[in-house]
Amino acid sequence: MTSAVRVQLGEDGADAERADQLAGYLRRELIERGLSDVKALPAGEAPPGSRGFDAVTAGGLLVTLGKSADGLRSVVAAAREWLSRGGRVKRTVRLEIDGDVLELSEASLSDQDKLVDLFVSRHSAP
């Protein structure tokens, strides 16, 4: 059974173009880590009567992975590294699997470690 992780990135003051740029950086990083199925996060169904193109959520990615903890840990590690590169700009990262959400922003590294371990353990095969 495979699962998908919805990743939503945020940065104070970022417009949709900047959010897409940041998501592109993270997408490339995830692919370099061996996660090949990383796509822009779909925005949902297009409104009736709209043209047939795929709308995407700015700053969002959809990462498909297996049930192993390794793939999920790679996503979380890359997201935490992205978060730490924000410098003085406030950044947030939101990970969601089947309605279960992990949001990291200004939590201490120790608190992030605890939250990440709990999140990964809930979504890994025994």
C-alpha atoms as a PDB file:
ATOM      1  CA  MET A   1       0.000   0.000   0.000  1.00  0.00           C
ATOM      2  CA  THR A   2       1.349   3.427  -0.892  1.00  0.00           C
ATOM      3  CA  SER A   3       0.648   6.733   0.696  1.00  0.00           C
ATOM      4  CA  ALA A   4       0.887  10.303  -0.452  1.00  0.00           C
ATOM      5  CA  VAL A   5       2.254  13.231   1.507  1.00  0.00           C
ATOM      6  CA  ARG A   6       0.833  16.658   0.826  1.00  0.00           C
ATOM      7  CA  VAL A   7       3.517  19.263   1.462  1.00  0.00           C
ATOM      8  CA  GLN A   8       2.552  22.924   1.765  1.00  0.00           C
ATOM      9  CA  LEU A   9       5.289  25.549   2.122  1.00  0.00           C
ATOM     10  CA  GLY A  10       4.835  29.063   3.419  1.00  0.00           C
ATOM     11  CA  GLU A  11       7.096  32.070   3.780  1.00  0.00           C
ATOM     12  CA  ASP A  12       6.134  35.436   5.244  1.00  0.00           C
ATOM     13  CA  GLY A  13       5.549  37.955   2.468  1.00  0.00           C
ATOM     14  CA  ALA A  14       5.765  35.383  -0.340  1.00  0.00           C
ATOM     15  CA  ASP A  15       3.368  35.714  -3.245  1.00  0.00           C
ATOM     16  CA  ALA A  16       2.177  32.754  -5.330  1.00  0.00           C
ATOM     17  CA  GLU A  17       5.133  33.026  -7.709  1.00  0.00           C
ATOM     18  CA  ARG A  18       7.658  32.933  -4.849  1.00  0.00           C
ATOM     19  CA  ALA A  19       5.796  30.028  -3.215  1.00  0.00           C
ATOM     20  CA  ASP A  20       5.975  28.069  -6.480  1.00  0.00           C
ATOM     21  CA  GLN A  21       9.679  28.851  -6.758  1.00  0.00           C
ATOM     22  CA  LEU A  22      10.307  27.573  -3.220  1.00  0.00           C
ATOM     23  CA  ALA A  23       8.284  24.430  -3.920  1.00  0.00           C
ATOM     24  CA  GLY A  24      10.352  23.868  -7.067  1.00  0.00           C
ATOM     25  CA  TYR A  25      13.566  23.974  -5.036  1.00  0.00           C
ATOM     26  CA  LEU A  26      12.192  21.450  -2.563  1.00  0.00           C
ATOM     27  CA  ARG A  27      10.882  19.249  -5.386  1.00  0.00           C
ATOM     28  CA  ARG A  28      14.353  19.041  -6.939  1.00  0.00           C
ATOM     29  CA  GLU A  29      15.860  18.238  -3.556  1.00  0.00           C
ATOM     30  CA  LEU A  30      13.349  15.426  -2.964  1.00  0.00           C
ATOM     31  CA  ILE A  31      14.069  13.949  -6.399  1.00  0.00           C
ATOM     32  CA  GLU A  32      17.816  14.081  -5.635  1.00  0.00           C
ATOM     33  CA  ARG A  33      17.030  12.081  -2.471  1.00  0.00           C
ATOM     34  CA  GLY A  34      15.513   9.322  -4.602  1.00  0.00           C
ATOM     35  CA  LEU A  35      11.815  10.239  -4.386  1.00  0.00           C
ATOM     36  CA  SER A  36      10.775  10.147  -8.022  1.00  0.00           C
ATOM     37  CA  ASP A  37       7.032  10.792  -7.729  1.00  0.00           C
ATOM     38  CA  VAL A  38       6.932  14.459  -6.670  1.00  0.00           C
ATOM     39  CA  LYS A  39       4.345  16.686  -8.343  1.00  0.00           C
ATOM     40  CA  ALA A  40       2.808  20.098  -7.872  1.00  0.00           C
ATOM     41  CA  LEU A  41      -0.103  19.863  -5.458  1.00  0.00           C
ATOM     42  CA  PRO A  42      -3.396  19.991  -7.373  1.00  0.00           C
ATOM     43  CA  ALA A  43      -5.753  22.772  -6.341  1.00  0.00           C
ATOM     44  CA  GLY A  44      -8.805  20.554  -6.597  1.00  0.00           C
ATOM     45  CA  GLU A  45     -11.526  20.326  -9.171  1.00  0.00           C
ATOM     46  CA  ALA A  46     -11.702  23.073 -11.750  1.00  0.00           C
ATOM     47  CA  PRO A  47     -14.854  25.181 -11.659  1.00  0.00           C
ATOM     48  CA  PRO A  48     -17.587  24.254 -14.152  1.00  0.00           C
ATOM     49  CA  GLY A  49     -17.050  25.874 -17.538  1.00  0.00           C
ATOM     50  CA  SER A  50     -13.329  26.518 -16.998  1.00  0.00           C
ATOM     51  CA  ARG A  51     -10.746  25.514 -19.551  1.00  0.00           C
ATOM     52  CA  GLY A  52      -9.117  22.105 -19.232  1.00  0.00           C
ATOM     53  CA  PHE A  53      -5.844  22.767 -17.469  1.00  0.00           C
ATOM     54  CA  ASP A  54      -4.474  21.485 -14.198  1.00  0.00           C
ATOM     55  CA  ALA A  55      -4.644  24.149 -11.540  1.00  0.00           C
ATOM     56  CA  VAL A  56      -2.099  23.782  -8.765  1.00  0.00           C
ATOM     57  CA  THR A  57      -1.820  25.016  -5.207  1.00  0.00           C
ATOM     58  CA  ALA A  58       0.966  27.588  -4.908  1.00  0.00           C
ATOM     59  CA  GLY A  59       3.816  26.286  -2.793  1.00  0.00           C
ATOM     60  CA  GLY A  60       2.393  22.779  -2.635  1.00  0.00           C
ATOM     61  CA  LEU A  61       3.761  19.356  -3.524  1.00  0.00           C
ATOM     62  CA  LEU A  62       2.300  15.869  -3.609  1.00  0.00           C
ATOM     63  CA  VAL A  63       4.866  13.151  -2.852  1.00  0.00           C
ATOM     64  CA  THR A  64       3.858   9.541  -3.428  1.00  0.00           C
ATOM     65  CA  LEU A  65       5.817   7.000  -1.424  1.00  0.00           C
ATOM     66  CA  GLY A  66       5.520   3.511  -0.004  1.00  0.00           C
ATOM     67  CA  LYS A  67       4.669   2.639   3.572  1.00  0.00           C
ATOM     68  CA  SER A  68       8.315   2.501   4.665  1.00  0.00           C
ATOM     69  CA  ALA A  69       9.526   5.041   7.144  1.00  0.00           C
ATOM     70  CA  ASP A  70      12.576   5.792   4.959  1.00  0.00           C
ATOM     71  CA  GLY A  71      10.660   7.629   2.232  1.00  0.00           C
ATOM     72  CA  LEU A  72       8.656   9.625   4.749  1.00  0.00           C
ATOM     73  CA  ARG A  73      11.786  10.426   6.771  1.00  0.00           C
ATOM     74  CA  SER A  74      13.422  11.730   3.567  1.00  0.00           C
ATOM     75  CA  VAL A  75      10.480  14.053   2.952  1.00  0.00           C
ATOM     76  CA  VAL A  76      10.522  15.280   6.554  1.00  0.00           C
ATOM     77  CA  ALA A  77      14.304  15.766   6.569  1.00  0.00           C
ATOM     78  CA  ALA A  78      14.225  17.782   3.346  1.00  0.00           C
ATOM     79  CA  ALA A  79      11.329  19.895   4.643  1.00  0.00           C
ATOM     80  CA  ARG A  80      13.138  20.598   7.930  1.00  0.00           C
ATOM     81  CA  GLU A  81      16.300  21.599   6.059  1.00  0.00           C
ATOM     82  CA  TRP A  82      14.247  23.910   3.842  1.00  0.00           C
ATOM     83  CA  LEU A  83      12.673  25.393   6.957  1.00  0.00           C
ATOM     84  CA  SER A  84      16.072  26.052   8.530  1.00  0.00           C
ATOM     85  CA  ARG A  85      17.366  27.871   5.426  1.00  0.00           C
ATOM     86  CA  GLY A  86      14.824  30.638   5.885  1.00  0.00           C
ATOM     87  CA  GLY A  87      17.205  32.749   7.935  1.00  0.00           C
ATOM     88  CA  ARG A  88      15.266  35.562   9.558  1.00  0.00           C
ATOM     89  CA  VAL A  89      12.236  35.071   7.321  1.00  0.00           C
ATOM     90  CA  LYS A  90       9.480  33.108   9.031  1.00  0.00           C
ATOM     91  CA  ARG A  91       8.754  29.906   7.158  1.00  0.00           C
ATOM     92  CA  THR A  92       6.252  27.133   7.732  1.00  0.00           C
ATOM     93  CA  VAL A  93       5.954  23.652   6.352  1.00  0.00           C
ATOM     94  CA  ARG A  94       2.807  21.561   6.597  1.00  0.00           C
ATOM     95  CA  LEU A  95       2.840  17.821   5.894  1.00  0.00           C
ATOM     96  CA  GLU A  96      -0.396  15.868   5.611  1.00  0.00           C
ATOM     97  CA  ILE A  97      -1.110  12.157   5.177  1.00  0.00           C
ATOM     98  CA  ASP A  98      -4.709  10.955   5.145  1.00  0.00           C
ATOM     99  CA  GLY A  99      -5.903  13.945   7.183  1.00  0.00           C
ATOM    100  CA  ASP A 100      -3.110  13.680   9.778  1.00  0.00           C
ATOM    101  CA  VAL A 101      -1.153  16.944   9.809  1.00  0.00           C
ATOM    102  CA  LEU A 102       2.340  17.851  10.973  1.00  0.00           C
ATOM    103  CA  GLU A 103       3.068  21.570  10.888  1.00  0.00           C
ATOM    104  CA  LEU A 104       6.522  22.871  11.681  1.00  0.00           C
ATOM    105  CA  SER A 105       7.451  26.506  11.945  1.00  0.00           C
ATOM    106  CA  GLU A 106       8.980  28.004  15.048  1.00  0.00           C
ATOM    107  CA  ALA A 107       9.181  24.858  17.186  1.00  0.00           C
ATOM    108  CA  SER A 108      12.537  24.117  18.780  1.00  0.00           C
ATOM    109  CA  LEU A 109      14.643  21.397  17.165  1.00  0.00           C
ATOM    110  CA  SER A 110      13.950  19.147  20.143  1.00  0.00           C
ATOM    111  CA  ASP A 111      10.190  19.651  19.797  1.00  0.00           C
ATOM    112  CA  GLN A 112      10.429  19.105  16.039  1.00  0.00           C
ATOM    113  CA  ASP A 113      12.277  15.809  16.643  1.00  0.00           C
ATOM    114  CA  LYS A 114       9.509  14.573  18.929  1.00  0.00           C
ATOM    115  CA  LEU A 115       6.742  15.640  16.556  1.00  0.00           C
ATOM    116  CA  VAL A 116       8.474  14.117  13.542  1.00  0.00           C
ATOM    117  CA  ASP A 117       9.087  10.786  15.309  1.00  0.00           C
ATOM    118  CA  LEU A 118       5.422  10.574  16.298  1.00  0.00           C
ATOM    119  CA  PHE A 119       4.213  11.509  12.801  1.00  0.00           C
ATOM    120  CA  VAL A 120       6.519   9.018  11.063  1.00  0.00           C
ATOM    121  CA  SER A 121       5.630   6.200  13.456  1.00  0.00           C
ATOM    122  CA  ARG A 122       1.915   6.683  12.733  1.00  0.00           C
ATOM    123  CA  HIS A 123       2.482   6.337   8.992  1.00  0.00           C
ATOM    124  CA  SER A 124       5.010   3.530   8.794  1.00  0.00           C
ATOM    125  CA  ALA A 125       4.353  -0.154   8.369  1.00  0.00           C
ATOM    126  CA  PRO A 126       5.016  -2.177  11.553  1.00  0.00           C
END
